[in-house]
């Protein structure tokens, strides 16, 4: 993947994430403060995965979000 393609993909992800700003991560038994700790742990695990070290941020984000979901977090609409 070329550098310009990576930049374009990153910009698309930013636009997509900005469009989802009315949602937040929630867990039935954990506080919002715990989300940051869980997310950082999952992100660190994803960044250490040799398959994800090719610089494709979308794959790292997806792996991180799958990990957070396995921990019980769900993305829900804000009320």
PDB file of N, CA and C in Angstrom:
ATOM      1  N   UNK A   1       0.854  -1.170   0.000  1.00  0.00           N
ATOM      2  CA  UNK A   1       0.000   0.000   0.000  1.00  0.00           C
ATOM      3  C   UNK A   1       0.901   1.233   0.000  1.00  0.00           C
ATOM      4  N   UNK A   2       0.596   2.168  -0.861  1.00  0.00           N
ATOM      5  CA  UNK A   2       1.416   3.370  -0.975  1.00  0.00           C
ATOM      6  C   UNK A   2       1.116   4.339   0.158  1.00  0.00           C
ATOM      7  N   UNK A   3       2.018   5.282   0.337  1.00  0.00           N
ATOM      8  CA  UNK A   3       1.856   6.281   1.399  1.00  0.00           C
ATOM      9  C   UNK A   3       0.583   7.099   1.181  1.00  0.00           C
ATOM     10  N   UNK A   4       0.291   7.483  -0.047  1.00  0.00           N
ATOM     11  CA  UNK A   4      -0.911   8.282  -0.311  1.00  0.00           C
ATOM     12  C   UNK A   4      -2.179   7.475  -0.048  1.00  0.00           C
ATOM     13  N   UNK A   5      -2.136   6.173  -0.315  1.00  0.00           N
ATOM     14  CA  UNK A   5      -3.298   5.338  -0.029  1.00  0.00           C
ATOM     15  C   UNK A   5      -3.514   5.222   1.482  1.00  0.00           C
ATOM     16  N   UNK A   6      -2.429   5.134   2.234  1.00  0.00           N
ATOM     17  CA  UNK A   6      -2.545   5.080   3.698  1.00  0.00           C
ATOM     18  C   UNK A   6      -3.131   6.366   4.249  1.00  0.00           C
ATOM     19  N   UNK A   7      -2.695   7.483   3.710  1.00  0.00           N
ATOM     20  CA  UNK A   7      -3.219   8.776   4.156  1.00  0.00           C
ATOM     21  C   UNK A   7      -4.707   8.877   3.841  1.00  0.00           C
ATOM     22  N   UNK A   8      -5.092   8.452   2.641  1.00  0.00           N
ATOM     23  CA  UNK A   8      -6.503   8.499   2.252  1.00  0.00           C
ATOM     24  C   UNK A   8      -7.344   7.610   3.166  1.00  0.00           C
ATOM     25  N   UNK A   9      -6.838   6.422   3.476  1.00  0.00           N
ATOM     26  CA  UNK A   9      -7.554   5.519   4.365  1.00  0.00           C
ATOM     27  C   UNK A   9      -7.683   6.113   5.765  1.00  0.00           C
ATOM     28  N   UNK A  10      -6.619   6.722   6.248  1.00  0.00           N
ATOM     29  CA  UNK A  10      -6.666   7.358   7.572  1.00  0.00           C
ATOM     30  C   UNK A  10      -7.692   8.485   7.606  1.00  0.00           C
ATOM     31  N   UNK A  11      -7.734   9.285   6.554  1.00  0.00           N
ATOM     32  CA  UNK A  11      -8.711  10.371   6.496  1.00  0.00           C
ATOM     33  C   UNK A  11     -10.138   9.840   6.467  1.00  0.00           C
ATOM     34  N   UNK A  12     -10.355   8.748   5.739  1.00  0.00           N
ATOM     35  CA  UNK A  12     -11.691   8.155   5.698  1.00  0.00           C
ATOM     36  C   UNK A  12     -12.094   7.651   7.076  1.00  0.00           C
ATOM     37  N   UNK A  13     -11.148   7.055   7.803  1.00  0.00           N
ATOM     38  CA  UNK A  13     -11.456   6.567   9.146  1.00  0.00           C
ATOM     39  C   UNK A  13     -11.811   7.716  10.082  1.00  0.00           C
ATOM     40  N   UNK A  14     -11.118   8.807   9.965  1.00  0.00           N
ATOM     41  CA  UNK A  14     -11.413   9.969  10.809  1.00  0.00           C
ATOM     42  C   UNK A  14     -12.825  10.471  10.538  1.00  0.00           C
ATOM     43  N   UNK A  15     -13.196  10.545   9.267  1.00  0.00           N
ATOM     44  CA  UNK A  15     -14.538  11.002   8.894  1.00  0.00           C
ATOM     45  C   UNK A  15     -15.588  10.029   9.425  1.00  0.00           C
ATOM     46  N   UNK A  16     -15.338   8.730   9.286  1.00  0.00           N
ATOM     47  CA  UNK A  16     -16.290   7.739   9.783  1.00  0.00           C
ATOM     48  C   UNK A  16     -16.437   7.802  11.295  1.00  0.00           C
ATOM     49  N   UNK A  17     -15.323   7.933  11.985  1.00  0.00           N
ATOM     50  CA  UNK A  17     -15.384   8.008  13.441  1.00  0.00           C
ATOM     51  C   UNK A  17     -16.067   9.285  13.914  1.00  0.00           C
ATOM     52  N   UNK A  18     -15.875  10.369  13.193  1.00  0.00           N
ATOM     53  CA  UNK A  18     -16.535  11.622  13.553  1.00  0.00           C
ATOM     54  C   UNK A  18     -18.044  11.496  13.384  1.00  0.00           C
ATOM     55  N   UNK A  19     -18.474  10.727  12.406  1.00  0.00           N
ATOM     56  CA  UNK A  19     -19.897  10.514  12.184  1.00  0.00           C
ATOM     57  C   UNK A  19     -20.541   9.682  13.279  1.00  0.00           C
ATOM     58  N   UNK A  20     -19.767   8.944  14.024  1.00  0.00           N
ATOM     59  CA  UNK A  20     -20.277   8.081  15.091  1.00  0.00           C
ATOM     60  C   UNK A  20     -20.168   8.752  16.455  1.00  0.00           C
ATOM     61  N   UNK A  21     -20.048  10.056  16.480  1.00  0.00           N
ATOM     62  CA  UNK A  21     -19.797  10.741  17.737  1.00  0.00           C
ATOM     63  C   UNK A  21     -20.986  10.727  18.689  1.00  0.00           C
ATOM     64  N   UNK A  22     -22.163  10.283  18.231  1.00  0.00           N
ATOM     65  CA  UNK A  22     -23.314  10.251  19.131  1.00  0.00           C
ATOM     66  C   UNK A  22     -23.415   8.912  19.864  1.00  0.00           C
ATOM     67  N   UNK A  23     -22.393   8.099  19.770  1.00  0.00           N
ATOM     68  CA  UNK A  23     -22.391   6.814  20.463  1.00  0.00           C
ATOM     69  C   UNK A  23     -21.244   6.794  21.475  1.00  0.00           C
ATOM     70  N   UNK A  24     -21.380   5.929  22.474  1.00  0.00           N
ATOM     71  CA  UNK A  24     -20.329   5.789  23.478  1.00  0.00           C
ATOM     72  C   UNK A  24     -20.236   4.333  23.905  1.00  0.00           C
ATOM     73  N   UNK A  25     -19.088   3.964  24.435  1.00  0.00           N
ATOM     74  CA  UNK A  25     -18.873   2.606  24.911  1.00  0.00           C
ATOM     75  C   UNK A  25     -19.460   2.478  26.309  1.00  0.00           C
ATOM     76  N   UNK A  26     -20.185   1.387  26.531  1.00  0.00           N
ATOM     77  CA  UNK A  26     -20.802   1.142  27.843  1.00  0.00           C
ATOM     78  C   UNK A  26     -20.578  -0.311  28.241  1.00  0.00           C
ATOM     79  N   UNK A  27     -20.501  -0.533  29.541  1.00  0.00           N
ATOM     80  CA  UNK A  27     -20.313  -1.879  30.096  1.00  0.00           C
ATOM     81  C   UNK A  27     -21.306  -2.043  31.237  1.00  0.00           C
ATOM     82  N   UNK A  28     -21.895  -3.220  31.374  1.00  0.00           N
ATOM     83  CA  UNK A  28     -22.908  -3.392  32.430  1.00  0.00           C
ATOM     84  C   UNK A  28     -22.367  -3.305  33.858  1.00  0.00           C
ATOM     85  N   UNK A  29     -21.071  -3.587  34.051  1.00  0.00           N
ATOM     86  CA  UNK A  29     -20.556  -3.602  35.430  1.00  0.00           C
ATOM     87  C   UNK A  29     -19.331  -2.727  35.651  1.00  0.00           C
ATOM     88  N   UNK A  30     -18.809  -2.108  34.590  1.00  0.00           N
ATOM     89  CA  UNK A  30     -17.597  -1.297  34.735  1.00  0.00           C
ATOM     90  C   UNK A  30     -17.905   0.177  34.507  1.00  0.00           C
ATOM     91  N   UNK A  31     -17.107   1.036  35.149  1.00  0.00           N
ATOM     92  CA  UNK A  31     -17.284   2.477  34.984  1.00  0.00           C
ATOM     93  C   UNK A  31     -16.648   2.947  33.686  1.00  0.00           C
ATOM     94  N   UNK A  32     -16.986   4.151  33.275  1.00  0.00           N
ATOM     95  CA  UNK A  32     -16.418   4.731  32.051  1.00  0.00           C
ATOM     96  C   UNK A  32     -14.907   4.896  32.166  1.00  0.00           C
ATOM     97  N   UNK A  33     -14.415   5.122  33.382  1.00  0.00           N
ATOM     98  CA  UNK A  33     -12.970   5.257  33.597  1.00  0.00           C
ATOM     99  C   UNK A  33     -12.235   3.964  33.258  1.00  0.00           C
ATOM    100  N   UNK A  34     -12.871   2.835  33.507  1.00  0.00           N
ATOM    101  CA  UNK A  34     -12.257   1.542  33.226  1.00  0.00           C
ATOM    102  C   UNK A  34     -12.118   1.300  31.720  1.00  0.00           C
ATOM    103  N   UNK A  35     -12.981   1.948  30.925  1.00  0.00           N
ATOM    104  CA  UNK A  35     -12.912   1.765  29.473  1.00  0.00           C
ATOM    105  C   UNK A  35     -11.541   2.154  28.928  1.00  0.00           C
ATOM    106  N   UNK A  36     -11.008   3.261  29.391  1.00  0.00           N
ATOM    107  CA  UNK A  36      -9.707   3.724  28.903  1.00  0.00           C
ATOM    108  C   UNK A  36      -8.620   2.687  29.184  1.00  0.00           C
ATOM    109  N   UNK A  37      -8.646   2.113  30.364  1.00  0.00           N
ATOM    110  CA  UNK A  37      -7.659   1.088  30.710  1.00  0.00           C
ATOM    111  C   UNK A  37      -7.818  -0.147  29.819  1.00  0.00           C
ATOM    112  N   UNK A  38      -9.065  -0.593  29.647  1.00  0.00           N
ATOM    113  CA  UNK A  38      -9.313  -1.765  28.807  1.00  0.00           C
ATOM    114  C   UNK A  38      -8.942  -1.488  27.347  1.00  0.00           C
ATOM    115  N   UNK A  39      -9.304  -0.312  26.851  1.00  0.00           N
ATOM    116  CA  UNK A  39      -9.008   0.043  25.464  1.00  0.00           C
ATOM    117  C   UNK A  39      -7.494   0.084  25.243  1.00  0.00           C
ATOM    118  N   UNK A  40      -6.772   0.711  26.161  1.00  0.00           N
ATOM    119  CA  UNK A  40      -5.319   0.805  26.025  1.00  0.00           C
ATOM    120  C   UNK A  40      -4.657  -0.575  26.056  1.00  0.00           C
ATOM    121  N   UNK A  41      -5.164  -1.467  26.900  1.00  0.00           N
ATOM    122  CA  UNK A  41      -4.632  -2.826  26.938  1.00  0.00           C
ATOM    123  C   UNK A  41      -4.870  -3.522  25.598  1.00  0.00           C
ATOM    124  N   UNK A  42      -6.081  -3.415  25.085  1.00  0.00           N
ATOM    125  CA  UNK A  42      -6.410  -4.054  23.808  1.00  0.00           C
ATOM    126  C   UNK A  42      -5.598  -3.456  22.663  1.00  0.00           C
ATOM    127  N   UNK A  43      -5.424  -2.156  22.676  1.00  0.00           N
ATOM    128  CA  UNK A  43      -4.653  -1.501  21.627  1.00  0.00           C
ATOM    129  C   UNK A  43      -3.190  -1.947  21.685  1.00  0.00           C
ATOM    130  N   UNK A  44      -2.647  -2.058  22.876  1.00  0.00           N
ATOM    131  CA  UNK A  44      -1.275  -2.527  23.027  1.00  0.00           C
ATOM    132  C   UNK A  44      -1.109  -3.950  22.510  1.00  0.00           C
ATOM    133  N   UNK A  45      -2.092  -4.800  22.816  1.00  0.00           N
ATOM    134  CA  UNK A  45      -2.052  -6.175  22.317  1.00  0.00           C
ATOM    135  C   UNK A  45      -2.104  -6.195  20.791  1.00  0.00           C
ATOM    136  N   UNK A  46      -2.960  -5.362  20.216  1.00  0.00           N
ATOM    137  CA  UNK A  46      -3.092  -5.312  18.753  1.00  0.00           C
ATOM    138  C   UNK A  46      -1.803  -4.811  18.106  1.00  0.00           C
ATOM    139  N   UNK A  47      -1.176  -3.840  18.718  1.00  0.00           N
ATOM    140  CA  UNK A  47       0.052  -3.284  18.143  1.00  0.00           C
ATOM    141  C   UNK A  47       1.222  -4.264  18.228  1.00  0.00           C
ATOM    142  N   UNK A  48       1.167  -5.206  19.159  1.00  0.00           N
ATOM    143  CA  UNK A  48       2.226  -6.214  19.271  1.00  0.00           C
ATOM    144  C   UNK A  48       2.001  -7.402  18.338  1.00  0.00           C
ATOM    145  N   UNK A  49       0.808  -7.498  17.748  1.00  0.00           N
ATOM    146  CA  UNK A  49       0.497  -8.605  16.840  1.00  0.00           C
ATOM    147  C   UNK A  49       1.265  -8.427  15.525  1.00  0.00           C
ATOM    148  N   UNK A  50       2.123  -9.384  15.169  1.00  0.00           N
ATOM    149  CA  UNK A  50       2.924  -9.240  13.942  1.00  0.00           C
ATOM    150  C   UNK A  50       2.082  -9.059  12.680  1.00  0.00           C
ATOM    151  N   UNK A  51       0.884  -9.622  12.659  1.00  0.00           N
ATOM    152  CA  UNK A  51       0.017  -9.479  11.483  1.00  0.00           C
ATOM    153  C   UNK A  51      -0.476  -8.050  11.309  1.00  0.00           C
ATOM    154  N   UNK A  52      -0.514  -7.297  12.396  1.00  0.00           N
ATOM    155  CA  UNK A  52      -1.053  -5.936  12.348  1.00  0.00           C
ATOM    156  C   UNK A  52       0.038  -4.883  12.313  1.00  0.00           C
ATOM    157  N   UNK A  53       1.284  -5.281  12.217  1.00  0.00           N
ATOM    158  CA  UNK A  53       2.391  -4.333  12.234  1.00  0.00           C
ATOM    159  C   UNK A  53       2.766  -3.852  10.840  1.00  0.00           C
ATOM    160  N   UNK A  54       1.857  -3.946   9.904  1.00  0.00           N
ATOM    161  CA  UNK A  54       2.119  -3.502   8.545  1.00  0.00           C
ATOM    162  C   UNK A  54       1.735  -2.041   8.347  1.00  0.00           C
ATOM    163  N   UNK A  55       1.277  -1.391   9.383  1.00  0.00           N
ATOM    164  CA  UNK A  55       0.958   0.020   9.294  1.00  0.00           C
ATOM    165  C   UNK A  55      -0.455   0.336   8.840  1.00  0.00           C
ATOM    166  N   UNK A  56      -1.310  -0.659   8.761  1.00  0.00           N
ATOM    167  CA  UNK A  56      -2.689  -0.409   8.343  1.00  0.00           C
ATOM    168  C   UNK A  56      -3.509  -0.129   9.602  1.00  0.00           C
ATOM    169  N   UNK A  57      -3.792   1.127   9.832  1.00  0.00           N
ATOM    170  CA  UNK A  57      -4.451   1.552  11.070  1.00  0.00           C
ATOM    171  C   UNK A  57      -5.859   0.979  11.198  1.00  0.00           C
ATOM    172  N   UNK A  58      -6.554   0.825  10.093  1.00  0.00           N
ATOM    173  CA  UNK A  58      -7.917   0.302  10.145  1.00  0.00           C
ATOM    174  C   UNK A  58      -7.936  -1.082  10.790  1.00  0.00           C
ATOM    175  N   UNK A  59      -6.988  -1.934  10.433  1.00  0.00           N
ATOM    176  CA  UNK A  59      -6.939  -3.276  11.007  1.00  0.00           C
ATOM    177  C   UNK A  59      -6.636  -3.234  12.500  1.00  0.00           C
ATOM    178  N   UNK A  60      -5.774  -2.316  12.903  1.00  0.00           N
ATOM    179  CA  UNK A  60      -5.450  -2.168  14.326  1.00  0.00           C
ATOM    180  C   UNK A  60      -6.666  -1.689  15.104  1.00  0.00           C
ATOM    181  N   UNK A  61      -7.386  -0.733  14.549  1.00  0.00           N
ATOM    182  CA  UNK A  61      -8.599  -0.223  15.208  1.00  0.00           C
ATOM    183  C   UNK A  61      -9.638  -1.330  15.327  1.00  0.00           C
ATOM    184  N   UNK A  62      -9.839  -2.082  14.251  1.00  0.00           N
ATOM    185  CA  UNK A  62     -10.816  -3.166  14.279  1.00  0.00           C
ATOM    186  C   UNK A  62     -10.435  -4.227  15.305  1.00  0.00           C
ATOM    187  N   UNK A  63      -9.174  -4.595  15.364  1.00  0.00           N
ATOM    188  CA  UNK A  63      -8.723  -5.593  16.338  1.00  0.00           C
ATOM    189  C   UNK A  63      -8.909  -5.081  17.761  1.00  0.00           C
ATOM    190  N   UNK A  64      -8.619  -3.809  17.975  1.00  0.00           N
ATOM    191  CA  UNK A  64      -8.792  -3.214  19.301  1.00  0.00           C
ATOM    192  C   UNK A  64     -10.255  -3.231  19.705  1.00  0.00           C
ATOM    193  N   UNK A  65     -11.138  -2.851  18.795  1.00  0.00           N
ATOM    194  CA  UNK A  65     -12.570  -2.823  19.108  1.00  0.00           C
ATOM    195  C   UNK A  65     -13.128  -4.226  19.340  1.00  0.00           C
ATOM    196  N   UNK A  66     -12.652  -5.210  18.598  1.00  0.00           N
ATOM    197  CA  UNK A  66     -13.090  -6.598  18.842  1.00  0.00           C
ATOM    198  C   UNK A  66     -12.678  -7.041  20.246  1.00  0.00           C
ATOM    199  N   UNK A  67     -11.464  -6.693  20.643  1.00  0.00           N
ATOM    200  CA  UNK A  67     -10.959  -7.045  21.974  1.00  0.00           C
ATOM    201  C   UNK A  67     -11.813  -6.395  23.064  1.00  0.00           C
ATOM    202  N   UNK A  68     -12.117  -5.130  22.904  1.00  0.00           N
ATOM    203  CA  UNK A  68     -12.925  -4.404  23.888  1.00  0.00           C
ATOM    204  C   UNK A  68     -14.320  -5.030  23.985  1.00  0.00           C
ATOM    205  N   UNK A  69     -14.853  -5.421  22.837  1.00  0.00           N
ATOM    206  CA  UNK A  69     -16.171  -6.062  22.846  1.00  0.00           C
ATOM    207  C   UNK A  69     -16.129  -7.410  23.559  1.00  0.00           C
ATOM    208  N   UNK A  70     -15.031  -8.144  23.418  1.00  0.00           N
ATOM    209  CA  UNK A  70     -14.889  -9.420  24.123  1.00  0.00           C
ATOM    210  C   UNK A  70     -14.848  -9.214  25.631  1.00  0.00           C
ATOM    211  N   UNK A  71     -14.423  -8.014  26.061  1.00  0.00           N
ATOM    212  CA  UNK A  71     -14.383  -7.685  27.489  1.00  0.00           C
ATOM    213  C   UNK A  71     -15.758  -7.259  28.012  1.00  0.00           C
ATOM    214  N   UNK A  72     -16.750  -7.198  27.115  1.00  0.00           N
ATOM    215  CA  UNK A  72     -18.112  -6.863  27.545  1.00  0.00           C
ATOM    216  C   UNK A  72     -18.556  -5.454  27.216  1.00  0.00           C
ATOM    217  N   UNK A  73     -17.708  -4.647  26.593  1.00  0.00           N
ATOM    218  CA  UNK A  73     -18.086  -3.290  26.232  1.00  0.00           C
ATOM    219  C   UNK A  73     -18.932  -3.313  24.963  1.00  0.00           C
ATOM    220  N   UNK A  74     -19.924  -2.438  24.902  1.00  0.00           N
ATOM    221  CA  UNK A  74     -20.795  -2.311  23.740  1.00  0.00           C
ATOM    222  C   UNK A  74     -20.907  -0.844  23.359  1.00  0.00           C
ATOM    223  N   UNK A  75     -20.949  -0.591  22.065  1.00  0.00           N
ATOM    224  CA  UNK A  75     -21.119   0.769  21.573  1.00  0.00           C
ATOM    225  C   UNK A  75     -22.631   1.043  21.519  1.00  0.00           C
ATOM    226  N   UNK A  76     -23.076   2.021  22.303  1.00  0.00           N
ATOM    227  CA  UNK A  76     -24.500   2.333  22.393  1.00  0.00           C
ATOM    228  C   UNK A  76     -24.734   3.809  22.063  1.00  0.00           C
ATOM    229  N   UNK A  77     -25.930   4.092  21.576  1.00  0.00           N
ATOM    230  CA  UNK A  77     -26.309   5.468  21.274  1.00  0.00           C
ATOM    231  C   UNK A  77     -26.454   6.266  22.561  1.00  0.00           C
ATOM    232  N   UNK A  78     -25.971   7.504  22.542  1.00  0.00           N
ATOM    233  CA  UNK A  78     -26.146   8.390  23.695  1.00  0.00           C
ATOM    234  C   UNK A  78     -27.607   8.792  23.770  1.00  0.00           C
ATOM    235  N   UNK A  79     -28.080   8.971  24.968  1.00  0.00           N
ATOM    236  CA  UNK A  79     -29.479   9.385  25.158  1.00  0.00           C
ATOM    237  C   UNK A  79     -29.592  10.874  25.247  1.00  0.00           C
TER     238      UNK A  79
END
